[in-house]
Amino acid sequence: IARFSLQDAIVVHRTGRIAPGEAIVFVATAAAHRR
């Protein structure tokens, strides 16, 4: 957030047993500009 001047960010990460094809991690970042 500090480095890229983000407005917000989220991380959702699975733990435990995960089958192939299932989502492990989700990351999203929000900023004023795309870069």
ModelCIF file with pLDDT and N, C-alpha, C, O atoms, coordinates in Angstrom:
data_MODEL
#
_entry.id   MODEL 
#
_entity.id                         1 
_entity.type                       polymer 
_entity.pdbx_number_of_molecules   1 
#
_entity_poly.entity_id                      1 
_entity_poly.type                           'polypeptide(L)' 
_entity_poly.nstd_linkage                   no 
_entity_poly.nstd_monomer                   no 
_entity_poly.pdbx_seq_one_letter_code       IARFSLQDAIVVHRTGRIAPGEAIVFVATAAAHRR 
_entity_poly.pdbx_seq_one_letter_code_can   IARFSLQDAIVVHRTGRIAPGEAIVFVATAAAHRR 
_entity_poly.pdbx_strand_id                 A 
#
loop_
_entity_poly_seq.entity_id 
_entity_poly_seq.num 
_entity_poly_seq.mon_id 
_entity_poly_seq.hetero 
1 1  ILE n 
1 2  ALA n 
1 3  ARG n 
1 4  PHE n 
1 5  SER n 
1 6  LEU n 
1 7  GLN n 
1 8  ASP n 
1 9  ALA n 
1 10 ILE n 
1 11 VAL n 
1 12 VAL n 
1 13 HIS n 
1 14 ARG n 
1 15 THR n 
1 16 GLY n 
1 17 ARG n 
1 18 ILE n 
1 19 ALA n 
1 20 PRO n 
1 21 GLY n 
1 22 GLU n 
1 23 ALA n 
1 24 ILE n 
1 25 VAL n 
1 26 PHE n 
1 27 VAL n 
1 28 ALA n 
1 29 THR n 
1 30 ALA n 
1 31 ALA n 
1 32 ALA n 
1 33 HIS n 
1 34 ARG n 
1 35 ARG n 
#
_struct_asym.id          A 
_struct_asym.entity_id   1 
#
loop_
_ma_qa_metric.id 
_ma_qa_metric.mode 
_ma_qa_metric.name 
_ma_qa_metric.software_group_id 
_ma_qa_metric.type 
1 global pLDDT . pLDDT 
2 local  pLDDT . pLDDT 
#
_ma_qa_metric_global.metric_id      1 
_ma_qa_metric_global.metric_value   97.86 
_ma_qa_metric_global.model_id       1 
_ma_qa_metric_global.ordinal_id     1 
#
loop_
_ma_qa_metric_local.label_asym_id 
_ma_qa_metric_local.label_comp_id 
_ma_qa_metric_local.label_seq_id 
_ma_qa_metric_local.metric_id 
_ma_qa_metric_local.metric_value 
_ma_qa_metric_local.model_id 
_ma_qa_metric_local.ordinal_id 
A ILE 1  2 98.00 1 1  
A ALA 2  2 97.00 1 2  
A ARG 3  2 97.00 1 3  
A PHE 4  2 98.00 1 4  
A SER 5  2 98.00 1 5  
A LEU 6  2 98.00 1 6  
A GLN 7  2 98.00 1 7  
A ASP 8  2 98.00 1 8  
A ALA 9  2 98.00 1 9  
A ILE 10 2 98.00 1 10 
A VAL 11 2 98.00 1 11 
A VAL 12 2 98.00 1 12 
A HIS 13 2 98.00 1 13 
A ARG 14 2 98.00 1 14 
A THR 15 2 98.00 1 15 
A GLY 16 2 98.00 1 16 
A ARG 17 2 98.00 1 17 
A ILE 18 2 98.00 1 18 
A ALA 19 2 97.00 1 19 
A PRO 20 2 97.00 1 20 
A GLY 21 2 97.00 1 21 
A GLU 22 2 98.00 1 22 
A ALA 23 2 98.00 1 23 
A ILE 24 2 98.00 1 24 
A VAL 25 2 98.00 1 25 
A PHE 26 2 98.00 1 26 
A VAL 27 2 98.00 1 27 
A ALA 28 2 98.00 1 28 
A THR 29 2 98.00 1 29 
A ALA 30 2 98.00 1 30 
A ALA 31 2 98.00 1 31 
A ALA 32 2 98.00 1 32 
A HIS 33 2 98.00 1 33 
A ARG 34 2 98.00 1 34 
A ARG 35 2 98.00 1 35 
#
loop_
_atom_site.group_PDB 
_atom_site.id 
_atom_site.type_symbol 
_atom_site.label_atom_id 
_atom_site.label_alt_id 
_atom_site.label_comp_id 
_atom_site.label_asym_id 
_atom_site.label_entity_id 
_atom_site.label_seq_id 
_atom_site.pdbx_PDB_ins_code 
_atom_site.Cartn_x 
_atom_site.Cartn_y 
_atom_site.Cartn_z 
_atom_site.occupancy 
_atom_site.B_iso_or_equiv 
_atom_site.pdbx_formal_charge 
_atom_site.auth_seq_id 
_atom_site.auth_comp_id 
_atom_site.auth_asym_id 
_atom_site.auth_atom_id 
_atom_site.pdbx_PDB_model_num 
ATOM 1   N N  . ILE A 1 1  ? 0.837  -1.202  0.000   1.00 98.00 ? 1  ILE A N  1 
ATOM 2   C CA . ILE A 1 1  ? 0.000  0.000   0.000   1.00 98.00 ? 1  ILE A CA 1 
ATOM 3   C C  . ILE A 1 1  ? 0.868  1.248   0.000   1.00 98.00 ? 1  ILE A C  1 
ATOM 4   O O  . ILE A 1 1  ? 0.605  2.193   -0.743  1.00 98.00 ? 1  ILE A O  1 
ATOM 5   N N  . ALA A 1 2  ? 1.902  1.251   0.831   1.00 97.00 ? 2  ALA A N  1 
ATOM 6   C CA . ALA A 1 2  ? 2.802  2.407   0.891   1.00 97.00 ? 2  ALA A CA 1 
ATOM 7   C C  . ALA A 1 2  ? 3.617  2.545   -0.395  1.00 97.00 ? 2  ALA A C  1 
ATOM 8   O O  . ALA A 1 2  ? 3.745  3.648   -0.928  1.00 97.00 ? 2  ALA A O  1 
ATOM 9   N N  . ARG A 1 3  ? 4.161  1.452   -0.892  1.00 97.00 ? 3  ARG A N  1 
ATOM 10  C CA . ARG A 1 3  ? 5.042  1.491   -2.066  1.00 97.00 ? 3  ARG A CA 1 
ATOM 11  C C  . ARG A 1 3  ? 4.322  1.918   -3.330  1.00 97.00 ? 3  ARG A C  1 
ATOM 12  O O  . ARG A 1 3  ? 4.873  2.670   -4.134  1.00 97.00 ? 3  ARG A O  1 
ATOM 13  N N  . PHE A 1 4  ? 3.086  1.443   -3.517  1.00 98.00 ? 4  PHE A N  1 
ATOM 14  C CA . PHE A 1 4  ? 2.370  1.678   -4.768  1.00 98.00 ? 4  PHE A CA 1 
ATOM 15  C C  . PHE A 1 4  ? 1.224  2.684   -4.626  1.00 98.00 ? 4  PHE A C  1 
ATOM 16  O O  . PHE A 1 4  ? 0.442  2.858   -5.561  1.00 98.00 ? 4  PHE A O  1 
ATOM 17  N N  . SER A 1 5  ? 1.115  3.337   -3.486  1.00 98.00 ? 5  SER A N  1 
ATOM 18  C CA . SER A 1 5  ? 0.035  4.308   -3.231  1.00 98.00 ? 5  SER A CA 1 
ATOM 19  C C  . SER A 1 5  ? -1.338 3.699   -3.486  1.00 98.00 ? 5  SER A C  1 
ATOM 20  O O  . SER A 1 5  ? -2.190 4.301   -4.139  1.00 98.00 ? 5  SER A O  1 
ATOM 21  N N  . LEU A 1 6  ? -1.533 2.502   -2.961  1.00 98.00 ? 6  LEU A N  1 
ATOM 22  C CA . LEU A 1 6  ? -2.811 1.825   -3.140  1.00 98.00 ? 6  LEU A CA 1 
ATOM 23  C C  . LEU A 1 6  ? -3.905 2.454   -2.286  1.00 98.00 ? 6  LEU A C  1 
ATOM 24  O O  . LEU A 1 6  ? -3.637 3.042   -1.238  1.00 98.00 ? 6  LEU A O  1 
ATOM 25  N N  . GLN A 1 7  ? -5.119 2.318   -2.747  1.00 98.00 ? 7  GLN A N  1 
ATOM 26  C CA . GLN A 1 7  ? -6.277 2.703   -1.958  1.00 98.00 ? 7  GLN A CA 1 
ATOM 27  C C  . GLN A 1 7  ? -6.703 1.562   -1.046  1.00 98.00 ? 7  GLN A C  1 
ATOM 28  O O  . GLN A 1 7  ? -7.237 1.792   0.039   1.00 98.00 ? 7  GLN A O  1 
ATOM 29  N N  . ASP A 1 8  ? -6.464 0.323   -1.492  1.00 98.00 ? 8  ASP A N  1 
ATOM 30  C CA . ASP A 1 8  ? -6.893 -0.840  -0.721  1.00 98.00 ? 8  ASP A CA 1 
ATOM 31  C C  . ASP A 1 8  ? -6.279 -2.096  -1.325  1.00 98.00 ? 8  ASP A C  1 
ATOM 32  O O  . ASP A 1 8  ? -5.831 -2.098  -2.472  1.00 98.00 ? 8  ASP A O  1 
ATOM 33  N N  . ALA A 1 9  ? -6.267 -3.163  -0.531  1.00 98.00 ? 9  ALA A N  1 
ATOM 34  C CA . ALA A 1 9  ? -5.806 -4.467  -1.013  1.00 98.00 ? 9  ALA A CA 1 
ATOM 35  C C  . ALA A 1 9  ? -6.419 -5.551  -0.141  1.00 98.00 ? 9  ALA A C  1 
ATOM 36  O O  . ALA A 1 9  ? -6.749 -5.327  1.024   1.00 98.00 ? 9  ALA A O  1 
ATOM 37  N N  . ILE A 1 10 ? -6.562 -6.725  -0.731  1.00 98.00 ? 10 ILE A N  1 
ATOM 38  C CA . ILE A 1 10 ? -7.133 -7.868  -0.011  1.00 98.00 ? 10 ILE A CA 1 
ATOM 39  C C  . ILE A 1 10 ? -6.376 -9.133  -0.420  1.00 98.00 ? 10 ILE A C  1 
ATOM 40  O O  . ILE A 1 10 ? -5.988 -9.300  -1.576  1.00 98.00 ? 10 ILE A O  1 
ATOM 41  N N  . VAL A 1 11 ? -6.177 -10.011 0.553   1.00 98.00 ? 11 VAL A N  1 
ATOM 42  C CA . VAL A 1 11 ? -5.624 -11.335 0.293   1.00 98.00 ? 11 VAL A CA 1 
ATOM 43  C C  . VAL A 1 11 ? -6.519 -12.349 0.996   1.00 98.00 ? 11 VAL A C  1 
ATOM 44  O O  . VAL A 1 11 ? -6.781 -12.238 2.193   1.00 98.00 ? 11 VAL A O  1 
ATOM 45  N N  . VAL A 1 12 ? -6.982 -13.329 0.244   1.00 98.00 ? 12 VAL A N  1 
ATOM 46  C CA . VAL A 1 12 ? -7.699 -14.481 0.798   1.00 98.00 ? 12 VAL A CA 1 
ATOM 47  C C  . VAL A 1 12 ? -6.865 -15.696 0.429   1.00 98.00 ? 12 VAL A C  1 
ATOM 48  O O  . VAL A 1 12 ? -6.562 -15.910 -0.745  1.00 98.00 ? 12 VAL A O  1 
ATOM 49  N N  . HIS A 1 13 ? -6.493 -16.490 1.419   1.00 98.00 ? 13 HIS A N  1 
ATOM 50  C CA . HIS A 1 13 ? -5.614 -17.635 1.176   1.00 98.00 ? 13 HIS A CA 1 
ATOM 51  C C  . HIS A 1 13 ? -6.184 -18.861 1.859   1.00 98.00 ? 13 HIS A C  1 
ATOM 52  O O  . HIS A 1 13 ? -6.553 -18.821 3.032   1.00 98.00 ? 13 HIS A O  1 
ATOM 53  N N  . ARG A 1 14 ? -6.250 -19.948 1.113   1.00 98.00 ? 14 ARG A N  1 
ATOM 54  C CA . ARG A 1 14 ? -6.705 -21.220 1.666   1.00 98.00 ? 14 ARG A CA 1 
ATOM 55  C C  . ARG A 1 14 ? -5.615 -21.854 2.514   1.00 98.00 ? 14 ARG A C  1 
ATOM 56  O O  . ARG A 1 14 ? -4.426 -21.632 2.288   1.00 98.00 ? 14 ARG A O  1 
ATOM 57  N N  . THR A 1 15 ? -6.029 -22.631 3.477   1.00 98.00 ? 15 THR A N  1 
ATOM 58  C CA . THR A 1 15 ? -5.166 -23.516 4.234   1.00 98.00 ? 15 THR A CA 1 
ATOM 59  C C  . THR A 1 15 ? -5.867 -24.870 4.272   1.00 98.00 ? 15 THR A C  1 
ATOM 60  O O  . THR A 1 15 ? -7.022 -24.993 3.866   1.00 98.00 ? 15 THR A O  1 
ATOM 61  N N  . GLY A 1 16 ? -5.164 -25.871 4.759   1.00 98.00 ? 16 GLY A N  1 
ATOM 62  C CA . GLY A 1 16 ? -5.762 -27.205 4.799   1.00 98.00 ? 16 GLY A CA 1 
ATOM 63  C C  . GLY A 1 16 ? -5.559 -27.924 3.488   1.00 98.00 ? 16 GLY A C  1 
ATOM 64  O O  . GLY A 1 16 ? -4.605 -27.656 2.758   1.00 98.00 ? 16 GLY A O  1 
ATOM 65  N N  . ARG A 1 17 ? -6.464 -28.841 3.193   1.00 98.00 ? 17 ARG A N  1 
ATOM 66  C CA . ARG A 1 17 ? -6.356 -29.687 2.001   1.00 98.00 ? 17 ARG A CA 1 
ATOM 67  C C  . ARG A 1 17 ? -7.126 -29.063 0.832   1.00 98.00 ? 17 ARG A C  1 
ATOM 68  O O  . ARG A 1 17 ? -8.293 -28.693 0.960   1.00 98.00 ? 17 ARG A O  1 
ATOM 69  N N  . ILE A 1 18 ? -6.443 -28.959 -0.306  1.00 98.00 ? 18 ILE A N  1 
ATOM 70  C CA . ILE A 1 18 ? -6.989 -28.285 -1.478  1.00 98.00 ? 18 ILE A CA 1 
ATOM 71  C C  . ILE A 1 18 ? -6.852 -29.215 -2.685  1.00 98.00 ? 18 ILE A C  1 
ATOM 72  O O  . ILE A 1 18 ? -5.764 -29.718 -2.966  1.00 98.00 ? 18 ILE A O  1 
ATOM 73  N N  . ALA A 1 19 ? -7.937 -29.436 -3.382  1.00 97.00 ? 19 ALA A N  1 
ATOM 74  C CA . ALA A 1 19 ? -7.932 -30.322 -4.555  1.00 97.00 ? 19 ALA A CA 1 
ATOM 75  C C  . ALA A 1 19 ? -7.472 -29.563 -5.794  1.00 97.00 ? 19 ALA A C  1 
ATOM 76  O O  . ALA A 1 19 ? -7.655 -28.348 -5.876  1.00 97.00 ? 19 ALA A O  1 
ATOM 77  N N  . PRO A 1 20 ? -6.874 -30.265 -6.762  1.00 97.00 ? 20 PRO A N  1 
ATOM 78  C CA . PRO A 1 20 ? -6.515 -29.624 -8.025  1.00 97.00 ? 20 PRO A CA 1 
ATOM 79  C C  . PRO A 1 20 ? -7.729 -28.928 -8.641  1.00 97.00 ? 20 PRO A C  1 
ATOM 80  O O  . PRO A 1 20 ? -8.839 -29.460 -8.647  1.00 97.00 ? 20 PRO A O  1 
ATOM 81  N N  . GLY A 1 21 ? -7.486 -27.737 -9.153  1.00 97.00 ? 21 GLY A N  1 
ATOM 82  C CA . GLY A 1 21 ? -8.545 -26.939 -9.758  1.00 97.00 ? 21 GLY A CA 1 
ATOM 83  C C  . GLY A 1 21 ? -9.206 -25.969 -8.799  1.00 97.00 ? 21 GLY A C  1 
ATOM 84  O O  . GLY A 1 21 ? -9.884 -25.038 -9.233  1.00 97.00 ? 21 GLY A O  1 
ATOM 85  N N  . GLU A 1 22 ? -9.023 -26.170 -7.502  1.00 98.00 ? 22 GLU A N  1 
ATOM 86  C CA . GLU A 1 22 ? -9.607 -25.244 -6.528  1.00 98.00 ? 22 GLU A CA 1 
ATOM 87  C C  . GLU A 1 22 ? -8.707 -24.026 -6.358  1.00 98.00 ? 22 GLU A C  1 
ATOM 88  O O  . GLU A 1 22 ? -7.488 -24.109 -6.507  1.00 98.00 ? 22 GLU A O  1 
ATOM 89  N N  . ALA A 1 23 ? -9.332 -22.896 -6.042  1.00 98.00 ? 23 ALA A N  1 
ATOM 90  C CA . ALA A 1 23 ? -8.585 -21.664 -5.792  1.00 98.00 ? 23 ALA A CA 1 
ATOM 91  C C  . ALA A 1 23 ? -7.824 -21.783 -4.474  1.00 98.00 ? 23 ALA A C  1 
ATOM 92  O O  . ALA A 1 23 ? -8.365 -22.222 -3.460  1.00 98.00 ? 23 ALA A O  1 
ATOM 93  N N  . ILE A 1 24 ? -6.548 -21.378 -4.516  1.00 98.00 ? 24 ILE A N  1 
ATOM 94  C CA . ILE A 1 24 ? -5.696 -21.347 -3.329  1.00 98.00 ? 24 ILE A CA 1 
ATOM 95  C C  . ILE A 1 24 ? -5.630 -19.935 -2.772  1.00 98.00 ? 24 ILE A C  1 
ATOM 96  O O  . ILE A 1 24 ? -5.747 -19.723 -1.565  1.00 98.00 ? 24 ILE A O  1 
ATOM 97  N N  . VAL A 1 25 ? -5.442 -18.968 -3.669  1.00 98.00 ? 25 VAL A N  1 
ATOM 98  C CA . VAL A 1 25 ? -5.199 -17.593 -3.238  1.00 98.00 ? 25 VAL A CA 1 
ATOM 99  C C  . VAL A 1 25 ? -5.933 -16.626 -4.155  1.00 98.00 ? 25 VAL A C  1 
ATOM 100 O O  . VAL A 1 25 ? -6.069 -16.851 -5.357  1.00 98.00 ? 25 VAL A O  1 
ATOM 101 N N  . PHE A 1 26 ? -6.404 -15.540 -3.543  1.00 98.00 ? 26 PHE A N  1 
ATOM 102 C CA . PHE A 1 26 ? -7.015 -14.430 -4.258  1.00 98.00 ? 26 PHE A CA 1 
ATOM 103 C C  . PHE A 1 26 ? -6.372 -13.156 -3.741  1.00 98.00 ? 26 PHE A C  1 
ATOM 104 O O  . PHE A 1 26 ? -6.335 -12.916 -2.534  1.00 98.00 ? 26 PHE A O  1 
ATOM 105 N N  . VAL A 1 27 ? -5.868 -12.345 -4.651  1.00 98.00 ? 27 VAL A N  1 
ATOM 106 C CA . VAL A 1 27 ? -5.284 -11.047 -4.305  1.00 98.00 ? 27 VAL A CA 1 
ATOM 107 C C  . VAL A 1 27 ? -5.964 -10.001 -5.171  1.00 98.00 ? 27 VAL A C  1 
ATOM 108 O O  . VAL A 1 27 ? -6.127 -10.203 -6.375  1.00 98.00 ? 27 VAL A O  1 
ATOM 109 N N  . ALA A 1 28 ? -6.362 -8.892  -4.576  1.00 98.00 ? 28 ALA A N  1 
ATOM 110 C CA . ALA A 1 28 ? -6.890 -7.767  -5.343  1.00 98.00 ? 28 ALA A CA 1 
ATOM 111 C C  . ALA A 1 28 ? -6.312 -6.478  -4.780  1.00 98.00 ? 28 ALA A C  1 
ATOM 112 O O  . ALA A 1 28 ? -6.136 -6.323  -3.572  1.00 98.00 ? 28 ALA A O  1 
ATOM 113 N N  . THR A 1 29 ? -6.021 -5.556  -5.699  1.00 98.00 ? 29 THR A N  1 
ATOM 114 C CA . THR A 1 29 ? -5.478 -4.259  -5.320  1.00 98.00 ? 29 THR A CA 1 
ATOM 115 C C  . THR A 1 29 ? -6.291 -3.167  -6.004  1.00 98.00 ? 29 THR A C  1 
ATOM 116 O O  . THR A 1 29 ? -6.737 -3.331  -7.140  1.00 98.00 ? 29 THR A O  1 
ATOM 117 N N  . ALA A 1 30 ? -6.479 -2.060  -5.309  1.00 98.00 ? 30 ALA A N  1 
ATOM 118 C CA . ALA A 1 30 ? -7.219 -0.918  -5.847  1.00 98.00 ? 30 ALA A CA 1 
ATOM 119 C C  . ALA A 1 30 ? -6.310 0.304   -5.793  1.00 98.00 ? 30 ALA A C  1 
ATOM 120 O O  . ALA A 1 30 ? -5.655 0.568   -4.785  1.00 98.00 ? 30 ALA A O  1 
ATOM 121 N N  . ALA A 1 31 ? -6.285 1.039   -6.896  1.00 98.00 ? 31 ALA A N  1 
ATOM 122 C CA . ALA A 1 31 ? -5.454 2.239   -6.984  1.00 98.00 ? 31 ALA A CA 1 
ATOM 123 C C  . ALA A 1 31 ? -6.121 3.255   -7.901  1.00 98.00 ? 31 ALA A C  1 
ATOM 124 O O  . ALA A 1 31 ? -7.089 2.946   -8.595  1.00 98.00 ? 31 ALA A O  1 
ATOM 125 N N  . ALA A 1 32 ? -5.591 4.457   -7.891  1.00 98.00 ? 32 ALA A N  1 
ATOM 126 C CA . ALA A 1 32 ? -6.106 5.501   -8.773  1.00 98.00 ? 32 ALA A CA 1 
ATOM 127 C C  . ALA A 1 32 ? -5.808 5.183   -10.235 1.00 98.00 ? 32 ALA A C  1 
ATOM 128 O O  . ALA A 1 32 ? -6.568 5.561   -11.127 1.00 98.00 ? 32 ALA A O  1 
ATOM 129 N N  . HIS A 1 33 ? -4.688 4.478   -10.477 1.00 98.00 ? 33 HIS A N  1 
ATOM 130 C CA . HIS A 1 33 ? -4.259 4.210   -11.850 1.00 98.00 ? 33 HIS A CA 1 
ATOM 131 C C  . HIS A 1 33 ? -3.874 2.743   -12.026 1.00 98.00 ? 33 HIS A C  1 
ATOM 132 O O  . HIS A 1 33 ? -3.485 2.082   -11.063 1.00 98.00 ? 33 HIS A O  1 
ATOM 133 N N  . ARG A 1 34 ? -3.981 2.233   -13.252 1.00 98.00 ? 34 ARG A N  1 
ATOM 134 C CA . ARG A 1 34 ? -3.793 0.809   -13.524 1.00 98.00 ? 34 ARG A CA 1 
ATOM 135 C C  . ARG A 1 34 ? -2.400 0.302   -13.218 1.00 98.00 ? 34 ARG A C  1 
ATOM 136 O O  . ARG A 1 34 ? -2.265 -0.785  -12.656 1.00 98.00 ? 34 ARG A O  1 
ATOM 137 N N  . ARG A 1 35 ? -1.360 1.041   -13.564 1.00 98.00 ? 35 ARG A N  1 
ATOM 138 C CA . ARG A 1 35 ? 0.005  0.551   -13.371 1.00 98.00 ? 35 ARG A CA 1 
ATOM 139 C C  . ARG A 1 35 ? 0.257  0.210   -11.904 1.00 98.00 ? 35 ARG A C  1 
ATOM 140 O O  . ARG A 1 35 ? 1.355  -0.219  -11.549 1.00 98.00 ? 35 ARG A O  1 
#
